[in-house]
Protein backbone atom coordinates (compact mmCIF):
# COMPACT_ATOMS: atom_id res chain seq x y z
CA MET A 1 97.03 182.97 89.76
CA GLY A 2 94.75 183.01 92.80
CA THR A 3 95.83 181.84 96.23
CA LYS A 4 93.53 178.82 95.98
CA ASP A 5 94.79 177.61 92.59
CA LYS A 6 96.15 174.13 93.05
CA GLY A 7 99.82 173.85 92.24
CA SER A 8 100.78 177.34 93.35
CA ALA A 9 103.39 177.66 96.08
CA LEU A 10 101.04 179.71 98.25
CA TYR A 11 98.29 177.11 97.91
CA GLU A 12 100.66 174.41 99.14
CA VAL A 13 101.30 176.51 102.24
CA LEU A 14 97.71 177.49 102.93
CA LYS A 15 96.30 173.98 102.61
CA GLY A 16 98.43 172.97 105.60
CA ILE A 17 96.93 175.63 107.88
CA ASP A 18 93.88 175.36 110.09
CA PHE A 19 92.80 178.99 110.30
CA GLU A 20 90.15 178.36 112.94
CA ARG A 21 92.58 176.68 115.35
CA ARG A 22 95.52 178.86 114.21
CA GLN A 23 97.95 175.99 113.86
CA LEU A 24 99.55 173.78 111.27
CA VAL A 25 97.58 170.73 110.18
CA GLY A 26 99.04 167.43 111.35
CA LYS A 27 101.20 168.99 114.05
CA LYS A 28 100.86 168.36 117.77
CA PRO A 29 99.42 171.19 119.93
CA ARG A 30 101.59 174.27 120.47
CA VAL A 31 103.72 173.47 117.41
CA GLY A 32 103.49 175.91 114.52
CA LEU A 33 101.06 178.24 116.25
CA PHE A 34 100.61 181.65 114.69
CA ASP A 35 98.21 184.58 114.80
CA LEU A 36 96.04 185.92 112.00
CA VAL A 37 93.38 188.62 112.09
CA ARG A 38 90.34 188.87 109.88
CA LYS A 39 90.05 191.96 107.68
CA ASP A 40 86.80 193.75 106.90
CA ASP A 41 86.44 191.85 103.64
CA GLY A 42 86.57 188.52 105.51
CA ASP A 43 90.08 187.62 104.38
CA TYR A 44 92.98 186.96 106.77
CA ARG A 45 96.21 188.84 107.24
CA CYS A 46 99.27 188.37 109.45
CA TYR A 47 99.09 190.10 112.80
CA SER A 48 102.81 190.99 112.55
CA CYS A 49 103.55 190.04 116.14
CA THR A 50 107.16 189.24 115.04
CA LEU A 51 107.10 186.03 117.13
CA CYS A 52 108.18 183.94 114.15
CA GLU A 53 111.16 186.24 113.61
CA ARG A 54 112.16 186.13 117.28
CA ILE A 55 112.03 182.36 117.77
CA CYS A 56 113.25 181.13 114.38
CA PRO A 57 116.11 178.78 115.33
CA VAL A 58 118.10 179.58 112.18
CA ASP A 59 117.36 183.33 111.99
CA CYS A 60 115.93 183.06 108.49
CA ILE A 61 112.85 185.27 109.07
CA GLU A 62 113.06 189.04 108.90
CA LEU A 63 110.03 191.36 109.06
CA GLU A 64 110.22 194.89 107.69
CA TYR A 65 107.83 197.81 107.70
CA CYS A 66 106.36 198.53 104.26
CA PRO A 67 105.25 202.19 104.02
CA GLU A 68 103.43 201.55 100.72
CA PHE A 69 100.71 199.68 102.61
CA ALA A 70 98.27 201.61 104.79
CA GLU A 71 98.63 200.89 108.50
CA GLU A 72 95.55 199.25 109.97
CA PRO A 73 94.52 200.19 113.52
CA PHE A 74 94.67 197.47 116.16
CA ASP A 75 91.37 196.72 117.89
CA PHE A 76 92.52 195.72 121.38
CA GLU A 77 89.09 194.69 122.71
CA ALA A 78 88.34 192.55 119.66
CA ALA A 79 91.73 190.83 119.87
CA ARG A 80 91.29 190.19 123.59
CA ALA A 81 87.83 188.73 123.05
CA ALA A 82 89.18 186.45 120.33
CA ALA A 83 92.07 185.36 122.56
CA LEU A 84 89.76 184.50 125.45
CA ALA A 85 87.59 182.45 123.11
CA THR A 86 90.56 180.30 122.14
CA LEU A 87 90.75 176.86 123.69
CA PRO A 88 93.24 176.44 126.59
CA GLY A 89 96.68 175.45 125.38
CA GLU A 90 96.39 177.23 122.03
CA SER A 91 98.22 180.35 121.01
CA CYS A 92 97.04 183.30 123.11
CA GLY A 93 94.32 181.18 124.71
CA ALA A 94 92.51 181.83 127.94
CA ALA A 95 95.30 180.03 129.79
CA SER A 96 97.92 182.45 128.51
CA ALA A 97 99.40 184.96 130.91
CA CYS A 98 99.54 187.52 128.10
CA VAL A 99 95.74 187.85 128.01
CA ALA A 100 95.23 191.21 129.67
CA GLY A 101 93.45 191.09 132.99
CA GLU A 102 93.31 187.31 133.09
CA ALA A 103 95.38 185.10 135.39
CA PRO A 104 96.74 181.89 133.81
CA ASP A 105 95.00 178.71 134.95
CA GLN A 106 98.26 176.83 135.45
CA PHE A 107 100.89 177.18 138.13
CA VAL A 108 103.25 180.08 137.36
CA PRO A 109 105.86 180.78 140.07
CA GLU A 110 107.41 184.15 140.73
CA ILE A 111 110.75 184.58 138.97
CA GLU A 112 113.49 186.27 141.00
CA LEU A 113 116.19 187.24 138.55
CA LYS A 114 118.73 187.77 141.34
CA LEU A 115 118.95 183.97 141.57
CA LEU A 116 120.30 184.01 138.02
CA ASP A 117 123.42 185.95 139.07
CA PRO A 118 125.58 182.80 139.52
CA VAL A 119 124.58 181.65 136.03
CA ILE A 120 125.56 185.02 134.55
CA ALA A 121 128.83 184.89 136.49
CA GLY A 122 129.48 181.42 135.07
CA ILE A 123 128.91 182.69 131.53
CA ARG A 124 131.40 185.51 132.12
CA SER A 125 133.87 182.92 133.36
CA GLY A 126 133.60 180.96 130.14
CA SER A 127 130.75 178.45 130.60
CA GLY A 128 128.83 177.49 127.47
CA LEU A 129 125.15 177.74 126.62
CA VAL A 130 124.17 174.19 127.58
CA GLU A 131 125.97 174.51 130.91
CA ALA A 132 124.16 177.78 131.56
CA LEU A 133 120.80 176.17 130.77
CA HIS A 134 121.51 173.30 133.17
CA ALA A 135 122.43 175.75 135.93
CA THR A 136 119.29 177.79 135.26
CA GLN A 137 117.04 174.73 135.45
CA GLU A 138 118.67 173.68 138.72
CA THR A 139 117.90 177.14 140.08
CA TYR A 140 114.27 177.49 139.00
CA GLY A 141 113.25 173.90 138.31
CA TYR A 142 112.64 174.83 134.67
CA LEU A 143 113.76 177.42 132.10
CA PRO A 144 111.72 180.64 132.45
CA ARG A 145 111.55 182.72 129.29
CA VAL A 146 112.83 185.82 131.10
CA ALA A 147 115.91 183.85 132.19
CA LEU A 148 116.53 182.67 128.63
CA GLU A 149 116.33 186.26 127.45
CA GLU A 150 118.93 187.29 130.06
CA ILE A 151 121.22 184.46 128.94
CA ALA A 152 120.85 185.48 125.29
CA GLU A 153 121.67 189.09 126.10
CA GLU A 154 124.68 188.14 128.23
CA MET A 155 126.08 185.80 125.55
CA CYS A 156 125.31 188.29 122.75
CA ILE A 157 123.43 185.71 120.70
CA PRO A 158 119.85 185.77 119.35
CA PHE A 159 117.14 184.60 121.71
CA SER A 160 115.97 182.23 118.97
CA ARG A 161 119.24 180.34 119.25
CA VAL A 162 118.94 179.98 123.03
CA PHE A 163 115.31 178.88 122.74
CA GLY A 164 116.22 176.46 119.95
CA VAL A 165 118.78 174.68 122.15
CA ALA A 166 116.47 174.68 125.18
CA SER A 167 113.58 173.18 123.20
CA PHE A 168 115.75 170.64 121.36
CA TYR A 169 116.99 168.65 124.36
CA SER A 170 114.32 166.69 126.23
CA GLN A 171 116.03 167.12 129.62
CA PHE A 172 115.22 170.83 129.60
CA ARG A 173 111.80 171.93 130.82
CA LEU A 174 110.19 175.08 129.46
CA ARG A 175 107.19 174.95 131.79
CA PRO A 176 107.22 175.23 135.60
CA VAL A 177 107.00 172.06 137.67
CA GLY A 178 105.50 171.44 141.09
CA LYS A 179 107.18 170.71 144.39
CA TYR A 180 106.57 166.99 143.87
CA VAL A 181 107.47 165.77 140.38
CA ILE A 182 105.83 162.38 139.84
CA ASP A 183 107.50 160.30 137.13
CA VAL A 184 105.68 157.12 136.13
CA CYS A 185 107.83 154.59 134.31
CA MET A 186 106.30 153.50 130.99
CA GLY A 187 109.02 151.01 130.02
CA THR A 188 108.02 147.60 128.70
CA ALA A 189 108.03 145.85 132.09
CA CYS A 190 106.09 148.64 133.80
CA HIS A 191 103.67 149.01 130.90
CA VAL A 192 102.82 145.30 130.98
CA ALA A 193 102.47 145.42 134.77
CA GLY A 194 99.81 148.15 134.61
CA ALA A 195 101.62 151.49 134.39
CA PRO A 196 98.91 153.04 132.13
CA LEU A 197 96.35 152.48 134.89
CA VAL A 198 98.71 154.09 137.40
CA VAL A 199 99.09 157.14 135.17
CA GLU A 200 95.33 157.37 134.80
CA ALA A 201 94.87 157.17 138.58
CA PHE A 202 97.40 159.95 139.20
CA SER A 203 95.82 162.09 136.47
CA GLN A 204 92.35 161.67 137.94
CA GLU A 205 93.44 162.32 141.52
CA LEU A 206 95.51 165.38 140.59
CA GLU A 207 93.05 166.56 137.95
CA VAL A 208 95.86 167.31 135.49
CA PRO A 209 96.98 165.59 132.28
CA VAL A 210 100.41 164.04 131.81
CA GLY A 211 102.88 166.92 131.61
CA GLY A 212 100.63 169.18 133.68
CA THR A 213 101.10 170.89 137.03
CA THR A 214 98.40 171.40 139.64
CA ALA A 215 97.17 174.95 140.18
CA ASP A 216 98.59 175.01 143.72
CA GLY A 217 102.07 174.23 142.42
CA LEU A 218 102.43 171.04 144.48
CA PHE A 219 102.42 168.27 141.86
CA SER A 220 103.62 167.70 138.31
CA LEU A 221 102.83 164.48 136.47
CA HIS A 222 105.23 163.03 133.90
CA THR A 223 106.03 159.72 132.26
CA VAL A 224 109.54 158.37 131.58
CA ASN A 225 110.83 155.55 129.42
CA CYS A 226 112.71 153.59 132.06
CA VAL A 227 114.15 154.07 135.55
CA GLY A 228 116.16 150.84 135.63
CA ALA A 229 114.08 149.03 138.25
CA CYS A 230 112.10 146.57 136.14
CA ALA A 231 111.88 144.02 138.96
CA LEU A 232 109.74 146.52 140.92
CA ALA A 233 107.32 147.30 138.08
CA PRO A 234 105.23 149.40 137.97
CA VAL A 235 107.71 151.99 139.25
CA VAL A 236 107.08 155.59 140.26
CA ARG A 237 109.68 158.18 141.18
CA ILE A 238 109.06 161.26 143.32
CA GLY A 239 111.68 163.79 142.29
CA ASN A 240 115.22 162.46 142.11
CA ASP A 241 115.35 160.90 145.57
CA GLU A 242 112.43 158.52 146.12
CA THR A 243 111.60 155.43 144.06
CA LEU A 244 108.44 153.45 144.75
CA GLY A 245 107.77 149.99 143.33
CA ARG A 246 104.73 147.76 142.91
CA MET A 247 102.60 150.87 142.46
CA GLY A 248 98.95 150.32 141.62
CA PRO A 249 96.05 152.74 140.96
CA THR A 250 94.87 152.59 144.58
CA GLU A 251 98.38 153.16 145.93
CA ALA A 252 98.79 156.08 143.52
CA ARG A 253 95.70 157.82 144.85
CA ARG A 254 96.75 157.16 148.45
CA LEU A 255 100.19 158.61 147.75
CA VAL A 256 98.73 161.88 146.49
CA ARG A 257 96.41 162.18 149.48
CA LYS A 258 99.26 161.43 151.88
CA LEU A 259 101.47 164.13 150.38
CA ARG A 260 98.61 166.63 150.43
CA LYS A 261 98.03 165.94 154.13
CA GLN A 262 101.73 166.42 154.82
CA GLU A 263 101.67 169.78 153.12
CA ALA A 264 98.49 170.84 154.94
CA ALA A 265 100.09 169.99 158.30
CA ARG A 266 103.09 172.24 157.67
């Protein structure tokens, strides 16, 4: 039975794949991304990057070398050209740090592993995985992959398990954040009072989408469900210390400009 015969198990898998975008159909961006390469006959084959094996949260994927199949040479230049042609945000896209010779277009801070020493010491003293992740995020502001790998090695557990826990809980951040984290409340009271317009104003002034970080590493824009200050709607929080009420689009733009001037004066 051919791979395109309806009713076959393989057909059911393939019909859910967008080969051009290299992602699963119906899934949000960066979920279910994979890499395929085109063979000389025009068909696709797995690139065998082993990423699926390494990040599987239940360790159910195992890749093995099959000597009965001829090894195909890897065309580095062709793969790099294909990666650079990918839209930003997709697997191995132009925004990815792994694209050789290309700097990522988003803010990526330097990671000093020495700062992770207290976390490692805590693990050796008996702290659990979630506690270690919290301590790591307090240190770096988010969970760098290299730090997660160190935690996995220290705890003698698969990296996929550490990544699975880190990606499951919404309080953990897997991407770096800026010096000023702007949280716009999108609860019912704030939403009715104009919070969507405030988010749009911040996004336009910062030139980043919700969830993004400016290239200079100063600002990150996020939305939250509720901050418990409905009487001050719309409400914006700057980090964990400052809460601003009655925020409008004009005030949002002024706030960004004010903070930028403060940073320029330092």
